[in-house]
Amino acid sequence: MIHVQKSFEITDKGTLFVVPTPIGNLEDMTYRAVRTLQEVSAIAAEDTRNTQKLLAHFDIHTPLFSYHEHSTKSREQACIDRLKRGEDVALVSDAGMPVVSDPGQTLVQAVIAENLPVVVLPGANAALCALVGSGLSSDSFLFYGFLPRKKKEKEEVLTDLLKQQGTVLLYESPFRVKDTVQAIGHISTDRNIVIARELTKKFEEYIRGSVQEVLQYVEEHPLKGECCIVIEGSTREAEQDSLWWSHLSMKEHVTYYIEEQHMRSKEAIQQVATERKLQKRLVYDAYHIQ
């Protein structure tokens, strides 16, 4: 059934305002965001302690209640009940746009299911900042968010993502960023990538280069702060699909030459490195360490 929302039509119901907050620099808070947080009846916050600091900075005194990824259905229903009583509620996360790799999706869905209005304010978003500042193509892009933590699952997801012709955007912890760049290099070495970290903050930094150059940099300069990884889209999708080994992992590729072609492991590793246009060290690590 079609549902048409007229966002600013006067009704006796409240509105859920999705309000982005700064990802580092408090000056990125918009006038509209401040006014909205001042005028709503209550604010649903991912972490009330963090949000209280933001409210204090802008002299906002609106009541807070917690809403996060572990919130119960009763907390969700309490928010909907407020809206039905005609109270406006704002949803905020700790930083950036709620719902995008942050809590709030189920609340937005529940509010829409009740035929109540949801109004989204524009504002800070790390992924889009990273994309624009990366210098890579923004004509077409795919936002994935955080990769799986388990190595095998991560490489499976990356293998699919690196087939995309559009630019790929990822979020990553500074503790895992080196492993993720290394995993990208295991799959495709002829790709430009950019790491954007500490966006909007004093130590904002863009690290641009080939996957091998960026990997060498992060090995020599351990990173701090949350990172966005921007990956150049594939320009060789058709070519890759035609290669007989495109469905194999690097370890399987090496194993094929050892078991089927009776090569020594050293020779098989060199052959795979040549075919995949990778550094021999990356293939060695993929075969012996994984």
Protein backbone atom coordinates (compact mmCIF):
# COMPACT_ATOMS: atom_id res chain seq x y z
CA MET A 1 0.00 0.00 0.00
CA ILE A 2 1.37 3.40 -0.97
CA HIS A 3 2.16 5.83 1.84
CA VAL A 4 2.56 9.53 1.09
CA GLN A 5 4.06 11.74 3.81
CA LYS A 6 3.55 15.49 3.73
CA SER A 7 6.29 16.32 6.17
CA PHE A 8 5.14 19.76 7.31
CA GLU A 9 1.37 19.38 7.15
CA ILE A 10 -0.22 20.52 10.41
CA THR A 11 -1.63 17.56 12.36
CA ASP A 12 -2.24 16.59 15.96
CA LYS A 13 0.60 14.04 15.77
CA GLY A 14 4.24 14.57 16.57
CA THR A 15 7.20 14.23 14.20
CA LEU A 16 10.36 12.18 14.60
CA PHE A 17 13.25 14.46 13.60
CA VAL A 18 16.47 12.65 12.65
CA VAL A 19 19.20 15.11 13.58
CA PRO A 20 22.85 14.64 12.57
CA THR A 21 25.47 15.89 15.01
CA PRO A 22 29.12 16.90 14.44
CA ILE A 23 31.64 14.12 13.79
CA GLY A 24 34.37 16.12 15.48
CA ASN A 25 34.15 19.84 14.89
CA LEU A 26 31.28 21.40 16.86
CA GLU A 27 31.06 24.27 14.36
CA ASP A 28 29.48 21.79 11.95
CA MET A 29 26.26 21.85 13.97
CA THR A 30 23.66 23.64 11.83
CA TYR A 31 21.34 26.42 13.00
CA ARG A 32 18.39 24.21 12.12
CA ALA A 33 19.75 21.29 14.13
CA VAL A 34 20.21 23.50 17.21
CA ARG A 35 16.73 24.97 16.86
CA THR A 36 15.16 21.53 16.39
CA LEU A 37 16.84 20.14 19.50
CA GLN A 38 15.64 23.17 21.44
CA GLU A 39 12.04 22.86 20.26
CA VAL A 40 11.31 19.11 20.45
CA SER A 41 9.76 17.62 23.58
CA ALA A 42 12.50 15.02 24.04
CA ILE A 43 15.70 13.71 22.48
CA ALA A 44 16.43 10.01 21.92
CA ALA A 45 20.21 9.66 22.24
CA GLU A 46 22.61 6.79 21.56
CA ASP A 47 24.61 7.76 24.67
CA THR A 48 22.98 10.37 26.88
CA ARG A 49 26.33 11.30 28.46
CA ASN A 50 27.87 12.23 25.11
CA THR A 51 24.76 14.06 23.93
CA GLN A 52 24.51 15.99 27.20
CA LYS A 53 27.94 17.50 26.51
CA LEU A 54 26.74 18.62 23.07
CA LEU A 55 23.56 20.11 24.51
CA ALA A 56 25.49 21.96 27.21
CA HIS A 57 27.77 23.49 24.57
CA PHE A 58 24.76 24.92 22.70
CA ASP A 59 22.78 25.76 25.85
CA ILE A 60 20.02 23.27 25.03
CA HIS A 61 17.94 21.98 27.95
CA THR A 62 15.61 19.48 26.29
CA PRO A 63 15.08 16.21 28.25
CA LEU A 64 17.03 13.17 27.08
CA PHE A 65 16.27 9.47 27.04
CA SER A 66 18.52 6.66 25.80
CA TYR A 67 17.91 4.82 22.56
CA HIS A 68 20.63 2.53 21.21
CA GLU A 69 21.13 -0.76 19.39
CA HIS A 70 20.27 -2.77 22.51
CA SER A 71 17.15 -0.82 23.40
CA THR A 72 14.03 -2.86 24.02
CA LYS A 73 10.79 -2.74 22.05
CA SER A 74 9.21 -1.00 25.05
CA ARG A 75 11.62 1.94 24.64
CA GLU A 76 10.67 2.11 20.97
CA GLN A 77 7.00 2.00 21.82
CA ALA A 78 7.42 4.74 24.42
CA CYS A 79 8.82 6.99 21.70
CA ILE A 80 5.90 6.19 19.40
CA ASP A 81 3.45 6.92 22.21
CA ARG A 82 5.00 10.38 22.61
CA LEU A 83 4.54 11.04 18.89
CA LYS A 84 0.92 9.91 19.01
CA ARG A 85 0.32 12.36 21.85
CA GLY A 86 1.53 15.15 19.59
CA GLU A 87 5.04 15.47 21.01
CA ASP A 88 7.96 15.97 18.63
CA VAL A 89 11.01 13.79 19.28
CA ALA A 90 14.56 14.12 17.94
CA LEU A 91 16.79 11.12 17.28
CA VAL A 92 20.56 11.65 17.54
CA SER A 93 23.59 9.36 17.57
CA ASP A 94 26.95 10.05 19.17
CA ALA A 95 28.29 11.56 15.95
CA GLY A 96 27.11 12.04 12.39
CA MET A 97 23.88 10.88 10.78
CA PRO A 98 21.76 8.49 12.85
CA VAL A 99 20.82 5.18 11.17
CA VAL A 100 23.94 5.20 8.91
CA SER A 101 26.13 2.61 10.70
CA ASP A 102 24.46 3.90 13.86
CA PRO A 103 21.31 3.01 15.82
CA GLY A 104 17.88 4.19 14.73
CA GLN A 105 16.82 2.14 11.73
CA THR A 106 14.22 0.05 13.56
CA LEU A 107 12.81 3.14 15.26
CA VAL A 108 12.41 4.95 11.93
CA GLN A 109 10.75 1.86 10.45
CA ALA A 110 8.38 1.54 13.41
CA VAL A 111 7.41 5.22 13.23
CA ILE A 112 6.68 4.96 9.50
CA ALA A 113 4.64 1.80 10.09
CA GLU A 114 2.45 3.85 12.45
CA ASN A 115 1.90 6.40 9.66
CA LEU A 116 3.74 9.06 11.65
CA PRO A 117 6.07 11.56 9.95
CA VAL A 118 9.85 11.24 9.89
CA VAL A 119 11.84 14.36 8.95
CA VAL A 120 15.59 14.06 8.30
CA LEU A 121 17.87 17.07 8.68
CA PRO A 122 20.99 17.25 6.51
CA GLY A 123 24.35 17.41 8.21
CA ALA A 124 27.67 15.81 9.03
CA ASN A 125 28.48 12.40 7.55
CA ALA A 126 31.97 10.90 7.55
CA ALA A 127 31.52 8.67 4.50
CA LEU A 128 30.48 11.48 2.17
CA CYS A 129 33.23 13.77 3.47
CA ALA A 130 35.76 11.01 2.78
CA LEU A 131 34.39 10.35 -0.70
CA VAL A 132 34.53 13.99 -1.77
CA GLY A 133 37.98 14.54 -0.26
CA SER A 134 39.41 11.31 -1.66
CA GLY A 135 39.66 12.58 -5.22
CA LEU A 136 38.23 9.27 -6.48
CA SER A 137 35.14 9.12 -8.66
CA SER A 138 31.87 10.15 -7.01
CA ASP A 139 29.72 9.39 -10.07
CA SER A 140 28.69 6.06 -8.59
CA PHE A 141 29.52 4.70 -5.16
CA LEU A 142 28.58 1.98 -2.69
CA PHE A 143 28.59 2.52 1.07
CA TYR A 144 29.13 -0.69 3.03
CA GLY A 145 30.03 0.50 6.52
CA PHE A 146 31.98 -1.81 8.83
CA LEU A 147 33.32 -5.08 7.44
CA PRO A 148 32.90 -8.39 9.30
CA ARG A 149 35.63 -8.92 11.88
CA LYS A 150 36.38 -12.58 11.08
CA LYS A 151 39.14 -12.87 8.49
CA LYS A 152 37.41 -15.31 6.15
CA GLU A 153 34.11 -13.43 6.16
CA LYS A 154 35.93 -10.13 5.64
CA GLU A 155 37.78 -11.41 2.58
CA GLU A 156 34.58 -12.89 1.12
CA VAL A 157 32.80 -9.55 1.46
CA LEU A 158 35.77 -7.63 0.07
CA THR A 159 36.00 -9.96 -2.92
CA ASP A 160 32.41 -9.05 -3.83
CA LEU A 161 32.87 -5.34 -3.10
CA LEU A 162 35.99 -5.08 -5.24
CA LYS A 163 34.02 -6.27 -8.26
CA GLN A 164 31.92 -3.11 -8.05
CA GLN A 165 32.59 -0.54 -10.77
CA GLY A 166 31.61 2.29 -8.43
CA THR A 167 33.77 3.66 -5.61
CA VAL A 168 33.42 1.69 -2.35
CA LEU A 169 33.19 3.38 1.07
CA LEU A 170 34.05 1.56 4.29
CA TYR A 171 34.32 2.47 7.96
CA GLU A 172 37.15 0.88 9.93
CA SER A 173 38.67 0.92 13.38
CA PRO A 174 42.29 2.13 13.59
CA PHE A 175 43.12 -1.23 15.20
CA ARG A 176 41.98 -3.16 12.11
CA VAL A 177 42.75 -0.73 9.30
CA LYS A 178 46.15 -2.28 8.44
CA ASP A 179 44.67 -5.77 8.20
CA THR A 180 41.86 -4.47 6.01
CA VAL A 181 44.23 -2.70 3.62
CA GLN A 182 46.30 -5.89 3.49
CA ALA A 183 43.17 -7.90 2.69
CA ILE A 184 42.33 -5.47 -0.13
CA GLY A 185 45.86 -5.99 -1.49
CA HIS A 186 45.42 -9.76 -1.40
CA ILE A 187 42.47 -9.40 -3.77
CA SER A 188 43.50 -6.49 -5.98
CA THR A 189 46.83 -4.70 -6.00
CA ASP A 190 46.20 -2.41 -8.97
CA ARG A 191 43.69 -0.26 -7.14
CA ASN A 192 43.96 3.24 -5.70
CA ILE A 193 42.62 3.70 -2.20
CA VAL A 194 42.34 6.55 0.28
CA ILE A 195 42.24 6.45 4.05
CA ALA A 196 40.55 9.49 5.59
CA ARG A 197 40.90 9.75 9.35
CA GLU A 198 39.98 12.17 12.12
CA LEU A 199 37.68 14.01 9.72
CA THR A 200 36.83 17.61 10.68
CA LYS A 201 39.26 17.42 13.62
CA LYS A 202 42.65 19.03 14.20
CA PHE A 203 44.59 15.99 12.97
CA GLU A 204 42.46 15.32 9.89
CA GLU A 205 44.48 13.36 7.35
CA TYR A 206 44.01 11.86 3.87
CA ILE A 207 46.38 9.07 2.83
CA ARG A 208 46.11 8.62 -0.94
CA GLY A 209 47.91 6.12 -3.17
CA SER A 210 47.95 2.59 -4.54
CA VAL A 211 46.95 -0.15 -2.14
CA GLN A 212 50.62 -1.16 -1.79
CA GLU A 213 51.75 2.41 -1.09
CA VAL A 214 49.03 2.93 1.50
CA LEU A 215 49.80 -0.43 3.12
CA GLN A 216 53.47 0.50 3.45
CA TYR A 217 52.51 3.85 4.97
CA VAL A 218 50.19 2.38 7.62
CA GLU A 219 52.79 -0.27 8.47
CA GLU A 220 55.31 2.50 9.15
CA HIS A 221 52.86 4.97 10.69
CA PRO A 222 50.26 3.29 12.96
CA LEU A 223 47.01 5.23 12.69
CA LYS A 224 44.78 6.62 15.41
CA GLY A 225 41.16 7.70 15.24
CA GLU A 226 38.22 6.33 13.30
CA CYS A 227 38.97 5.80 9.62
CA CYS A 228 37.08 5.80 6.35
CA ILE A 229 38.53 3.72 3.53
CA VAL A 230 37.64 4.80 0.00
CA ILE A 231 38.40 2.22 -2.71
CA GLU A 232 38.60 2.92 -6.41
CA GLY A 233 35.98 1.06 -8.42
CA SER A 234 36.93 -1.85 -10.65
CA THR A 235 37.68 -1.08 -14.28
CA ARG A 236 38.51 -4.70 -15.09
CA GLU A 237 35.36 -6.54 -14.08
CA ALA A 238 34.87 -8.19 -17.46
CA GLU A 239 38.54 -9.14 -17.66
CA GLN A 240 38.54 -10.61 -14.16
CA ASP A 241 35.44 -12.69 -14.88
CA SER A 242 37.21 -14.24 -17.88
CA LEU A 243 40.25 -15.40 -15.86
CA TRP A 244 40.10 -19.07 -14.96
CA TRP A 245 41.30 -18.43 -11.40
CA SER A 246 39.00 -15.48 -10.59
CA HIS A 247 36.82 -17.65 -8.30
CA LEU A 248 39.81 -18.94 -6.31
CA SER A 249 41.33 -17.45 -3.20
CA MET A 250 45.08 -16.88 -3.37
CA LYS A 251 45.70 -19.92 -1.20
CA GLU A 252 43.54 -22.08 -3.49
CA HIS A 253 45.33 -20.62 -6.51
CA VAL A 254 48.74 -21.62 -5.12
CA THR A 255 47.44 -25.03 -4.06
CA TYR A 256 46.22 -25.68 -7.59
CA TYR A 257 49.73 -25.31 -9.03
CA ILE A 258 51.27 -27.45 -6.29
CA GLU A 259 48.75 -30.28 -6.50
CA GLU A 260 47.74 -30.18 -10.17
CA GLN A 261 50.87 -28.86 -11.86
CA HIS A 262 53.31 -30.43 -9.37
CA MET A 263 55.15 -27.19 -8.77
CA ARG A 264 57.21 -26.53 -5.67
CA SER A 265 55.55 -24.02 -3.35
CA LYS A 266 58.12 -21.34 -4.19
CA GLU A 267 57.42 -21.70 -7.91
CA ALA A 268 53.65 -21.78 -7.39
CA ILE A 269 53.76 -18.62 -5.29
CA GLN A 270 55.79 -16.84 -7.98
CA GLN A 271 53.35 -17.97 -10.68
CA VAL A 272 50.34 -16.73 -8.73
CA ALA A 273 52.06 -13.41 -7.99
CA THR A 274 52.74 -12.98 -11.72
CA GLU A 275 49.19 -13.87 -12.78
CA ARG A 276 47.54 -11.69 -10.17
CA LYS A 277 50.07 -8.87 -10.59
CA LEU A 278 50.78 -8.93 -6.86
CA GLN A 279 53.92 -8.66 -4.78
CA LYS A 280 55.30 -12.13 -4.06
CA ARG A 281 55.28 -11.39 -0.32
CA LEU A 282 51.50 -10.93 -0.31
CA VAL A 283 50.94 -14.29 -2.00
CA TYR A 284 53.45 -15.97 0.37
CA ASP A 285 51.59 -14.58 3.39
CA ALA A 286 48.20 -15.61 2.00
CA TYR A 287 49.41 -19.17 1.43
CA HIS A 288 51.44 -19.76 4.60
CA ILE A 289 49.68 -17.60 7.20
CA GLN A 290 45.96 -17.90 6.43
